[in-house]
PDB file of N, CA and C in Angstrom:
ATOM      1  N   MET A   1       0.810  -1.180   0.000  1.00  0.00           N
ATOM      2  CA  MET A   1       0.000   0.000   0.000  1.00  0.00           C
ATOM      3  C   MET A   1       0.862   1.255   0.000  1.00  0.00           C
ATOM      4  N   ALA A   2       1.847   1.278  -0.858  1.00  0.00           N
ATOM      5  CA  ALA A   2       2.744   2.429  -0.949  1.00  0.00           C
ATOM      6  C   ALA A   2       2.010   3.682  -1.405  1.00  0.00           C
ATOM      7  N   TRP A   3       0.896   3.522  -2.090  1.00  0.00           N
ATOM      8  CA  TRP A   3       0.143   4.673  -2.582  1.00  0.00           C
ATOM      9  C   TRP A   3      -0.326   5.569  -1.436  1.00  0.00           C
ATOM     10  N   ARG A   4      -0.495   5.010  -0.246  1.00  0.00           N
ATOM     11  CA  ARG A   4      -0.967   5.800   0.896  1.00  0.00           C
ATOM     12  C   ARG A   4       0.015   6.925   1.231  1.00  0.00           C
ATOM     13  N   GLY A   5       1.285   6.693   1.024  1.00  0.00           N
ATOM     14  CA  GLY A   5       2.292   7.708   1.293  1.00  0.00           C
ATOM     15  C   GLY A   5       2.425   8.736   0.183  1.00  0.00           C
ATOM     16  N   HIS A   6       1.722   8.525  -0.928  1.00  0.00           N
ATOM     17  CA  HIS A   6       1.806   9.433  -2.076  1.00  0.00           C
ATOM     18  C   HIS A   6       0.645  10.407  -2.161  1.00  0.00           C
ATOM     19  N   LEU A   7      -0.205  10.449  -1.161  1.00  0.00           N
ATOM     20  CA  LEU A   7      -1.326  11.394  -1.188  1.00  0.00           C
ATOM     21  C   LEU A   7      -0.822  12.810  -1.421  1.00  0.00           C
ATOM     22  N   SER A   8       0.156  13.220  -0.625  1.00  0.00           N
ATOM     23  CA  SER A   8       0.644  14.599  -0.711  1.00  0.00           C
ATOM     24  C   SER A   8       1.416  14.867  -1.995  1.00  0.00           C
ATOM     25  N   ARG A   9       1.906  13.848  -2.648  1.00  0.00           N
ATOM     26  CA  ARG A   9       2.627  14.033  -3.917  1.00  0.00           C
ATOM     27  C   ARG A   9       1.671  14.178  -5.092  1.00  0.00           C
ATOM     28  N   ASN A  10       0.546  13.452  -5.047  1.00  0.00           N
ATOM     29  CA  ASN A  10      -0.346  13.391  -6.199  1.00  0.00           C
ATOM     30  C   ASN A  10      -1.615  14.220  -6.061  1.00  0.00           C
ATOM     31  N   LEU A  11      -1.946  14.639  -4.853  1.00  0.00           N
ATOM     32  CA  LEU A  11      -3.159  15.421  -4.619  1.00  0.00           C
ATOM     33  C   LEU A  11      -2.800  16.715  -3.901  1.00  0.00           C
ATOM     34  N   LYS A  12      -3.695  17.673  -3.980  1.00  0.00           N
ATOM     35  CA  LYS A  12      -3.543  18.920  -3.225  1.00  0.00           C
ATOM     36  C   LYS A  12      -4.413  18.906  -1.967  1.00  0.00           C
ATOM     37  N   GLU A  13      -5.538  18.161  -2.032  1.00  0.00           N
ATOM     38  CA  GLU A  13      -6.468  18.120  -0.911  1.00  0.00           C
ATOM     39  C   GLU A  13      -7.391  16.919  -1.081  1.00  0.00           C
ATOM     40  N   LEU A  14      -7.816  16.362   0.045  1.00  0.00           N
ATOM     41  CA  LEU A  14      -8.764  15.256   0.039  1.00  0.00           C
ATOM     42  C   LEU A  14      -9.902  15.613   0.983  1.00  0.00           C
ATOM     43  N   ARG A  15     -11.135  15.504   0.490  1.00  0.00           N
ATOM     44  CA  ARG A  15     -12.311  15.786   1.316  1.00  0.00           C
ATOM     45  C   ARG A  15     -13.207  14.556   1.358  1.00  0.00           C
ATOM     46  N   LEU A  16     -13.623  14.182   2.541  1.00  0.00           N
ATOM     47  CA  LEU A  16     -14.574  13.089   2.728  1.00  0.00           C
ATOM     48  C   LEU A  16     -15.846  13.692   3.305  1.00  0.00           C
ATOM     49  N   LEU A  17     -16.958  13.494   2.608  1.00  0.00           N
ATOM     50  CA  LEU A  17     -18.236  14.045   3.029  1.00  0.00           C
ATOM     51  C   LEU A  17     -19.190  12.898   3.321  1.00  0.00           C
ATOM     52  N   PHE A  18     -19.900  13.012   4.437  1.00  0.00           N
ATOM     53  CA  PHE A  18     -20.888  11.986   4.778  1.00  0.00           C
ATOM     54  C   PHE A  18     -21.794  12.485   5.886  1.00  0.00           C
ATOM     55  N   CYS A  19     -22.876  11.743   6.102  1.00  0.00           N
ATOM     56  CA  CYS A  19     -23.838  12.046   7.161  1.00  0.00           C
ATOM     57  C   CYS A  19     -23.376  11.377   8.456  1.00  0.00           C
ATOM     58  N   GLN A  20     -23.607  12.044   9.581  1.00  0.00           N
ATOM     59  CA  GLN A  20     -23.179  11.505  10.871  1.00  0.00           C
ATOM     60  C   GLN A  20     -24.010  10.298  11.308  1.00  0.00           C
ATOM     61  N   THR A  21     -25.229  10.177  10.811  1.00  0.00           N
ATOM     62  CA  THR A  21     -26.139   9.164  11.356  1.00  0.00           C
ATOM     63  C   THR A  21     -26.729   8.197  10.336  1.00  0.00           C
ATOM     64  N   SER A  22     -26.727   8.525   9.069  1.00  0.00           N
ATOM     65  CA  SER A  22     -27.443   7.693   8.103  1.00  0.00           C
ATOM     66  C   SER A  22     -26.752   6.350   7.863  1.00  0.00           C
ATOM     67  N   PRO A  23     -27.545   5.306   7.645  1.00  0.00           N
ATOM     68  CA  PRO A  23     -26.973   3.986   7.333  1.00  0.00           C
ATOM     69  C   PRO A  23     -26.160   3.997   6.037  1.00  0.00           C
ATOM     70  N   ALA A  24     -26.517   4.850   5.080  1.00  0.00           N
ATOM     71  CA  ALA A  24     -25.787   4.919   3.813  1.00  0.00           C
ATOM     72  C   ALA A  24     -24.347   5.388   4.014  1.00  0.00           C
ATOM     73  N   SER A  25     -24.118   6.158   5.066  1.00  0.00           N
ATOM     74  CA  SER A  25     -22.772   6.682   5.339  1.00  0.00           C
ATOM     75  C   SER A  25     -21.983   5.844   6.341  1.00  0.00           C
ATOM     76  N   ALA A  26     -22.548   4.749   6.804  1.00  0.00           N
ATOM     77  CA  ALA A  26     -21.891   3.945   7.843  1.00  0.00           C
ATOM     78  C   ALA A  26     -20.508   3.457   7.415  1.00  0.00           C
ATOM     79  N   GLN A  27     -20.378   2.968   6.193  1.00  0.00           N
ATOM     80  CA  GLN A  27     -19.080   2.471   5.732  1.00  0.00           C
ATOM     81  C   GLN A  27     -18.063   3.598   5.571  1.00  0.00           C
ATOM     82  N   ALA A  28     -18.516   4.768   5.142  1.00  0.00           N
ATOM     83  CA  ALA A  28     -17.613   5.918   5.022  1.00  0.00           C
ATOM     84  C   ALA A  28     -17.112   6.348   6.401  1.00  0.00           C
ATOM     85  N   ARG A  29     -18.003   6.362   7.380  1.00  0.00           N
ATOM     86  CA  ARG A  29     -17.590   6.705   8.753  1.00  0.00           C
ATOM     87  C   ARG A  29     -16.586   5.679   9.271  1.00  0.00           C
ATOM     88  N   GLU A  30     -16.834   4.407   8.996  1.00  0.00           N
ATOM     89  CA  GLU A  30     -15.926   3.342   9.433  1.00  0.00           C
ATOM     90  C   GLU A  30     -14.566   3.472   8.740  1.00  0.00           C
ATOM     91  N   PHE A  31     -14.582   3.820   7.458  1.00  0.00           N
ATOM     92  CA  PHE A  31     -13.334   4.024   6.725  1.00  0.00           C
ATOM     93  C   PHE A  31     -12.497   5.118   7.386  1.00  0.00           C
ATOM     94  N   VAL A  32     -13.130   6.233   7.717  1.00  0.00           N
ATOM     95  CA  VAL A  32     -12.419   7.342   8.372  1.00  0.00           C
ATOM     96  C   VAL A  32     -11.893   6.885   9.728  1.00  0.00           C
ATOM     97  N   HIS A  33     -12.723   6.209  10.484  1.00  0.00           N
ATOM     98  CA  HIS A  33     -12.325   5.743  11.817  1.00  0.00           C
ATOM     99  C   HIS A  33     -11.094   4.840  11.755  1.00  0.00           C
ATOM    100  N   ARG A  34     -11.041   3.958  10.778  1.00  0.00           N
ATOM    101  CA  ARG A  34      -9.936   2.991  10.694  1.00  0.00           C
ATOM    102  C   ARG A  34      -8.704   3.490   9.948  1.00  0.00           C
ATOM    103  N   ASN A  35      -8.851   4.465   9.054  1.00  0.00           N
ATOM    104  CA  ASN A  35      -7.752   4.829   8.170  1.00  0.00           C
ATOM    105  C   ASN A  35      -7.192   6.238   8.337  1.00  0.00           C
ATOM    106  N   TYR A  36      -7.921   7.133   8.978  1.00  0.00           N
ATOM    107  CA  TYR A  36      -7.470   8.518   9.068  1.00  0.00           C
ATOM    108  C   TYR A  36      -6.091   8.628   9.716  1.00  0.00           C
ATOM    109  N   LYS A  37      -5.908   7.988  10.827  1.00  0.00           N
ATOM    110  CA  LYS A  37      -4.639   8.103  11.556  1.00  0.00           C
ATOM    111  C   LYS A  37      -3.455   7.664  10.693  1.00  0.00           C
ATOM    112  N   ASP A  38      -3.593   6.542  10.012  1.00  0.00           N
ATOM    113  CA  ASP A  38      -2.527   6.028   9.149  1.00  0.00           C
ATOM    114  C   ASP A  38      -2.245   6.991   7.997  1.00  0.00           C
ATOM    115  N   LEU A  39      -3.295   7.479   7.338  1.00  0.00           N
ATOM    116  CA  LEU A  39      -3.110   8.403   6.215  1.00  0.00           C
ATOM    117  C   LEU A  39      -2.454   9.700   6.681  1.00  0.00           C
ATOM    118  N   LYS A  40      -2.867  10.199   7.836  1.00  0.00           N
ATOM    119  CA  LYS A  40      -2.309  11.449   8.345  1.00  0.00           C
ATOM    120  C   LYS A  40      -0.869  11.269   8.818  1.00  0.00           C
ATOM    121  N   THR A  41      -0.547  10.112   9.377  1.00  0.00           N
ATOM    122  CA  THR A  41       0.829   9.830   9.803  1.00  0.00           C
ATOM    123  C   THR A  41       1.773   9.794   8.603  1.00  0.00           C
ATOM    124  N   LEU A  42       1.314   9.206   7.510  1.00  0.00           N
ATOM    125  CA  LEU A  42       2.139   9.115   6.302  1.00  0.00           C
ATOM    126  C   LEU A  42       2.210  10.434   5.530  1.00  0.00           C
ATOM    127  N   ASN A  43       1.224  11.313   5.746  1.00  0.00           N
ATOM    128  CA  ASN A  43       1.149  12.591   5.040  1.00  0.00           C
ATOM    129  C   ASN A  43       0.808  13.703   6.046  1.00  0.00           C
ATOM    130  N   PRO A  44       1.735  14.034   6.948  1.00  0.00           N
ATOM    131  CA  PRO A  44       1.404  14.911   8.074  1.00  0.00           C
ATOM    132  C   PRO A  44       0.944  16.325   7.706  1.00  0.00           C
ATOM    133  N   LYS A  45       1.426  16.889   6.629  1.00  0.00           N
ATOM    134  CA  LYS A  45       1.051  18.259   6.262  1.00  0.00           C
ATOM    135  C   LYS A  45      -0.036  18.304   5.193  1.00  0.00           C
ATOM    136  N   PHE A  46      -0.495  17.158   4.763  1.00  0.00           N
ATOM    137  CA  PHE A  46      -1.501  17.083   3.712  1.00  0.00           C
ATOM    138  C   PHE A  46      -2.900  17.326   4.282  1.00  0.00           C
ATOM    139  N   PRO A  47      -3.696  18.208   3.658  1.00  0.00           N
ATOM    140  CA  PRO A  47      -5.042  18.479   4.182  1.00  0.00           C
ATOM    141  C   PRO A  47      -6.036  17.354   3.848  1.00  0.00           C
ATOM    142  N   ILE A  48      -6.478  16.670   4.883  1.00  0.00           N
ATOM    143  CA  ILE A  48      -7.539  15.670   4.768  1.00  0.00           C
ATOM    144  C   ILE A  48      -8.724  16.238   5.537  1.00  0.00           C
ATOM    145  N   LEU A  49      -9.734  16.654   4.808  1.00  0.00           N
ATOM    146  CA  LEU A  49     -10.872  17.326   5.414  1.00  0.00           C
ATOM    147  C   LEU A  49     -12.036  16.356   5.573  1.00  0.00           C
ATOM    148  N   ILE A  50     -12.593  16.301   6.759  1.00  0.00           N
ATOM    149  CA  ILE A  50     -13.739  15.457   7.062  1.00  0.00           C
ATOM    150  C   ILE A  50     -14.932  16.383   7.252  1.00  0.00           C
ATOM    151  N   ARG A  51     -15.953  16.218   6.423  1.00  0.00           N
ATOM    152  CA  ARG A  51     -17.131  17.070   6.502  1.00  0.00           C
ATOM    153  C   ARG A  51     -18.361  16.213   6.755  1.00  0.00           C
ATOM    154  N   GLU A  52     -18.995  16.453   7.888  1.00  0.00           N
ATOM    155  CA  GLU A  52     -20.214  15.743   8.243  1.00  0.00           C
ATOM    156  C   GLU A  52     -21.394  16.701   8.082  1.00  0.00           C
ATOM    157  N   CYS A  53     -22.412  16.245   7.375  1.00  0.00           N
ATOM    158  CA  CYS A  53     -23.585  17.064   7.140  1.00  0.00           C
ATOM    159  C   CYS A  53     -24.811  16.163   7.125  1.00  0.00           C
ATOM    160  N   SER A  54     -25.800  16.530   7.872  1.00  0.00           N
ATOM    161  CA  SER A  54     -27.009  15.730   7.971  1.00  0.00           C
ATOM    162  C   SER A  54     -27.647  15.542   6.590  1.00  0.00           C
ATOM    163  N   GLY A  55     -27.912  14.294   6.240  1.00  0.00           N
ATOM    164  CA  GLY A  55     -28.547  13.976   4.967  1.00  0.00           C
ATOM    165  C   GLY A  55     -27.612  13.913   3.773  1.00  0.00           C
ATOM    166  N   MET A  56     -26.328  14.108   3.965  1.00  0.00           N
ATOM    167  CA  MET A  56     -25.343  14.107   2.873  1.00  0.00           C
ATOM    168  C   MET A  56     -25.072  12.684   2.396  1.00  0.00           C
ATOM    169  N   ASP A  57     -25.043  12.496   1.077  1.00  0.00           N
ATOM    170  CA  ASP A  57     -24.627  11.210   0.524  1.00  0.00           C
ATOM    171  C   ASP A  57     -23.114  11.097   0.664  1.00  0.00           C
ATOM    172  N   PRO A  58     -22.600   9.914   1.009  1.00  0.00           N
ATOM    173  CA  PRO A  58     -21.154   9.780   1.200  1.00  0.00           C
ATOM    174  C   PRO A  58     -20.391   9.916  -0.117  1.00  0.00           C
ATOM    175  N   GLN A  59     -19.306  10.674  -0.057  1.00  0.00           N
ATOM    176  CA  GLN A  59     -18.494  10.885  -1.257  1.00  0.00           C
ATOM    177  C   GLN A  59     -17.085  11.321  -0.875  1.00  0.00           C
ATOM    178  N   ILE A  60     -16.166  11.121  -1.813  1.00  0.00           N
ATOM    179  CA  ILE A  60     -14.779  11.578  -1.678  1.00  0.00           C
ATOM    180  C   ILE A  60     -14.517  12.572  -2.799  1.00  0.00           C
ATOM    181  N   TRP A  61     -13.905  13.689  -2.448  1.00  0.00           N
ATOM    182  CA  TRP A  61     -13.466  14.679  -3.430  1.00  0.00           C
ATOM    183  C   TRP A  61     -11.950  14.766  -3.367  1.00  0.00           C
ATOM    184  N   ALA A  62     -11.316  14.667  -4.520  1.00  0.00           N
ATOM    185  CA  ALA A  62      -9.867  14.819  -4.620  1.00  0.00           C
ATOM    186  C   ALA A  62      -9.582  16.065  -5.445  1.00  0.00           C
ATOM    187  N   ARG A  63      -8.739  16.944  -4.920  1.00  0.00           N
ATOM    188  CA  ARG A  63      -8.342  18.139  -5.669  1.00  0.00           C
ATOM    189  C   ARG A  63      -6.904  17.964  -6.105  1.00  0.00           C
ATOM    190  N   TYR A  64      -6.671  18.201  -7.397  1.00  0.00           N
ATOM    191  CA  TYR A  64      -5.349  18.053  -8.006  1.00  0.00           C
ATOM    192  C   TYR A  64      -4.791  19.429  -8.353  1.00  0.00           C
ATOM    193  N   ASP A  65      -3.655  19.451  -9.039  1.00  0.00           N
ATOM    194  CA  ASP A  65      -3.067  20.704  -9.520  1.00  0.00           C
ATOM    195  C   ASP A  65      -4.033  21.420 -10.457  1.00  0.00           C
ATOM    196  N   MET A  66      -3.866  22.719 -10.569  1.00  0.00           N
ATOM    197  CA  MET A  66      -4.633  23.552 -11.495  1.00  0.00           C
ATOM    198  C   MET A  66      -6.136  23.545 -11.203  1.00  0.00           C
ATOM    199  N   GLY A  67      -6.527  23.226  -9.969  1.00  0.00           N
ATOM    200  CA  GLY A  67      -7.932  23.279  -9.590  1.00  0.00           C
ATOM    201  C   GLY A  67      -8.801  22.136 -10.087  1.00  0.00           C
ATOM    202  N   VAL A  68      -8.203  21.120 -10.658  1.00  0.00           N
ATOM    203  CA  VAL A  68      -8.962  19.966 -11.141  1.00  0.00           C
ATOM    204  C   VAL A  68      -9.461  19.172  -9.942  1.00  0.00           C
ATOM    205  N   GLU A  69     -10.744  18.820  -9.947  1.00  0.00           N
ATOM    206  CA  GLU A  69     -11.332  18.033  -8.865  1.00  0.00           C
ATOM    207  C   GLU A  69     -12.079  16.835  -9.439  1.00  0.00           C
ATOM    208  N   ARG A  70     -12.053  15.762  -8.680  1.00  0.00           N
ATOM    209  CA  ARG A  70     -12.807  14.558  -9.040  1.00  0.00           C
ATOM    210  C   ARG A  70     -13.580  14.088  -7.825  1.00  0.00           C
ATOM    211  N   CYS A  71     -14.795  13.613  -8.089  1.00  0.00           N
ATOM    212  CA  CYS A  71     -15.667  13.150  -7.020  1.00  0.00           C
ATOM    213  C   CYS A  71     -16.000  11.678  -7.246  1.00  0.00           C
ATOM    214  N   VAL A  72     -16.030  10.917  -6.163  1.00  0.00           N
ATOM    215  CA  VAL A  72     -16.453   9.522  -6.215  1.00  0.00           C
ATOM    216  C   VAL A  72     -17.553   9.339  -5.175  1.00  0.00           C
ATOM    217  N   ARG A  73     -18.692   8.866  -5.613  1.00  0.00           N
ATOM    218  CA  ARG A  73     -19.803   8.557  -4.699  1.00  0.00           C
ATOM    219  C   ARG A  73     -19.509   7.244  -4.000  1.00  0.00           C
ATOM    220  N   LEU A  74     -19.835   7.175  -2.715  1.00  0.00           N
ATOM    221  CA  LEU A  74     -19.516   5.996  -1.910  1.00  0.00           C
ATOM    222  C   LEU A  74     -20.758   5.210  -1.495  1.00  0.00           C
ATOM    223  N   ASP A  75     -21.921   5.544  -2.036  1.00  0.00           N
ATOM    224  CA  ASP A  75     -23.155   4.846  -1.683  1.00  0.00           C
ATOM    225  C   ASP A  75     -23.020   3.346  -1.907  1.00  0.00           C
ATOM    226  N   GLY A  76     -23.264   2.567  -0.878  1.00  0.00           N
ATOM    227  CA  GLY A  76     -23.283   1.117  -1.003  1.00  0.00           C
ATOM    228  C   GLY A  76     -21.923   0.453  -1.104  1.00  0.00           C
ATOM    229  N   LEU A  77     -20.838   1.204  -0.975  1.00  0.00           N
ATOM    230  CA  LEU A  77     -19.504   0.608  -1.068  1.00  0.00           C
ATOM    231  C   LEU A  77     -19.039   0.137   0.305  1.00  0.00           C
ATOM    232  N   THR A  78     -18.294  -0.947   0.316  1.00  0.00           N
ATOM    233  CA  THR A  78     -17.701  -1.451   1.555  1.00  0.00           C
ATOM    234  C   THR A  78     -16.432  -0.648   1.855  1.00  0.00           C
ATOM    235  N   GLU A  79     -15.882  -0.854   3.026  1.00  0.00           N
ATOM    236  CA  GLU A  79     -14.641  -0.168   3.396  1.00  0.00           C
ATOM    237  C   GLU A  79     -13.507  -0.508   2.420  1.00  0.00           C
ATOM    238  N   ALA A  80     -13.420  -1.777   2.012  1.00  0.00           N
ATOM    239  CA  ALA A  80     -12.385  -2.195   1.057  1.00  0.00           C
ATOM    240  C   ALA A  80     -12.579  -1.519  -0.299  1.00  0.00           C
ATOM    241  N   GLN A  81     -13.813  -1.370  -0.725  1.00  0.00           N
ATOM    242  CA  GLN A  81     -14.092  -0.708  -2.004  1.00  0.00           C
ATOM    243  C   GLN A  81     -13.781   0.779  -1.920  1.00  0.00           C
ATOM    244  N   ILE A  82     -14.041   1.392  -0.771  1.00  0.00           N
ATOM    245  CA  ILE A  82     -13.703   2.801  -0.577  1.00  0.00           C
ATOM    246  C   ILE A  82     -12.187   2.977  -0.652  1.00  0.00           C
ATOM    247  N   THR A  83     -11.446   2.066  -0.043  1.00  0.00           N
ATOM    248  CA  THR A  83      -9.985   2.112  -0.104  1.00  0.00           C
ATOM    249  C   THR A  83      -9.514   2.016  -1.552  1.00  0.00           C
ATOM    250  N   LYS A  84     -10.119   1.134  -2.323  1.00  0.00           N
ATOM    251  CA  LYS A  84      -9.760   0.962  -3.736  1.00  0.00           C
ATOM    252  C   LYS A  84     -10.058   2.233  -4.534  1.00  0.00           C
ATOM    253  N   LYS A  85     -11.192   2.867  -4.262  1.00  0.00           N
ATOM    254  CA  LYS A  85     -11.543   4.112  -4.958  1.00  0.00           C
ATOM    255  C   LYS A  85     -10.543   5.219  -4.622  1.00  0.00           C
ATOM    256  N   LEU A  86     -10.138   5.311  -3.367  1.00  0.00           N
ATOM    257  CA  LEU A  86      -9.144   6.305  -2.971  1.00  0.00           C
ATOM    258  C   LEU A  86      -7.816   6.031  -3.664  1.00  0.00           C
ATOM    259  N   GLU A  87      -7.421   4.777  -3.730  1.00  0.00           N
ATOM    260  CA  GLU A  87      -6.188   4.415  -4.437  1.00  0.00           C
ATOM    261  C   GLU A  87      -6.264   4.850  -5.900  1.00  0.00           C
ATOM    262  N   GLU A  88      -7.406   4.649  -6.543  1.00  0.00           N
ATOM    263  CA  GLU A  88      -7.579   5.054  -7.939  1.00  0.00           C
ATOM    264  C   GLU A  88      -7.449   6.574  -8.086  1.00  0.00           C
ATOM    265  N   LEU A  89      -7.994   7.326  -7.133  1.00  0.00           N
ATOM    266  CA  LEU A  89      -7.879   8.786  -7.184  1.00  0.00           C
ATOM    267  C   LEU A  89      -6.424   9.234  -7.046  1.00  0.00           C
ATOM    268  N   VAL A  90      -5.682   8.578  -6.162  1.00  0.00           N
ATOM    269  CA  VAL A  90      -4.265   8.912  -5.971  1.00  0.00           C
ATOM    270  C   VAL A  90      -3.473   8.596  -7.240  1.00  0.00           C
ATOM    271  N   LYS A  91      -3.732   7.446  -7.834  1.00  0.00           N
ATOM    272  CA  LYS A  91      -3.027   7.067  -9.062  1.00  0.00           C
ATOM    273  C   LYS A  91      -3.420   7.967 -10.231  1.00  0.00           C
ATOM    274  N   ALA A  92      -4.662   8.448 -10.255  1.00  0.00           N
ATOM    275  CA  ALA A  92      -5.084   9.381 -11.291  1.00  0.00           C
ATOM    276  C   ALA A  92      -4.309  10.692 -11.168  1.00  0.00           C
ATOM    277  N   GLY A  93      -3.994  11.090  -9.947  1.00  0.00           N
ATOM    278  CA  GLY A  93      -3.186  12.297  -9.737  1.00  0.00           C
ATOM    279  C   GLY A  93      -1.795  12.153 -10.316  1.00  0.00           C
ATOM    280  N   ALA A  94      -1.216  10.970 -10.194  1.00  0.00           N
ATOM    281  CA  ALA A  94       0.103  10.716 -10.776  1.00  0.00           C
ATOM    282  C   ALA A  94       0.020  10.788 -12.302  1.00  0.00           C
ATOM    283  N   ALA A  95      -1.065  10.278 -12.872  1.00  0.00           N
ATOM    284  CA  ALA A  95      -1.242  10.300 -14.326  1.00  0.00           C
ATOM    285  C   ALA A  95      -1.430  11.734 -14.835  1.00  0.00           C
ATOM    286  N   LEU A  96      -2.085  12.590 -14.063  1.00  0.00           N
ATOM    287  CA  LEU A  96      -2.277  13.978 -14.463  1.00  0.00           C
ATOM    288  C   LEU A  96      -0.962  14.751 -14.518  1.00  0.00           C
ATOM    289  N   LYS A  97      -0.009  14.358 -13.667  1.00  0.00           N
ATOM    290  CA  LYS A  97       1.290  15.025 -13.640  1.00  0.00           C
ATOM    291  C   LYS A  97       2.173  14.613 -14.807  1.00  0.00           C
ATOM    292  N   ALA A  98       1.924  13.428 -15.332  1.00  0.00           N
ATOM    293  CA  ALA A  98       2.783  12.910 -16.421  1.00  0.00           C
ATOM    294  C   ALA A  98       2.536  13.596 -17.738  1.00  0.00           C
TER     295      ALA A  98
END
């Protein structure tokens, strides 16, 4: 999982949005609970923003160079699938730089 250490190299910002109470956001909340510390330890100065809003559908926003942003909806995804989607966003950032 070397890609976890490349967040700050390939992205400018990562935002995770979800509802504090809805069942649809349960896996996103669990993902943050289990992975935030590791991601922040590997990327200490990288902005990882957690936004909780009542009724919000779970999603990840990745901001790249030049203001480019990509969004991935997390509805119905497991924690492992969310991890895979985040990995894809990080690798897409590397491709944008090439």
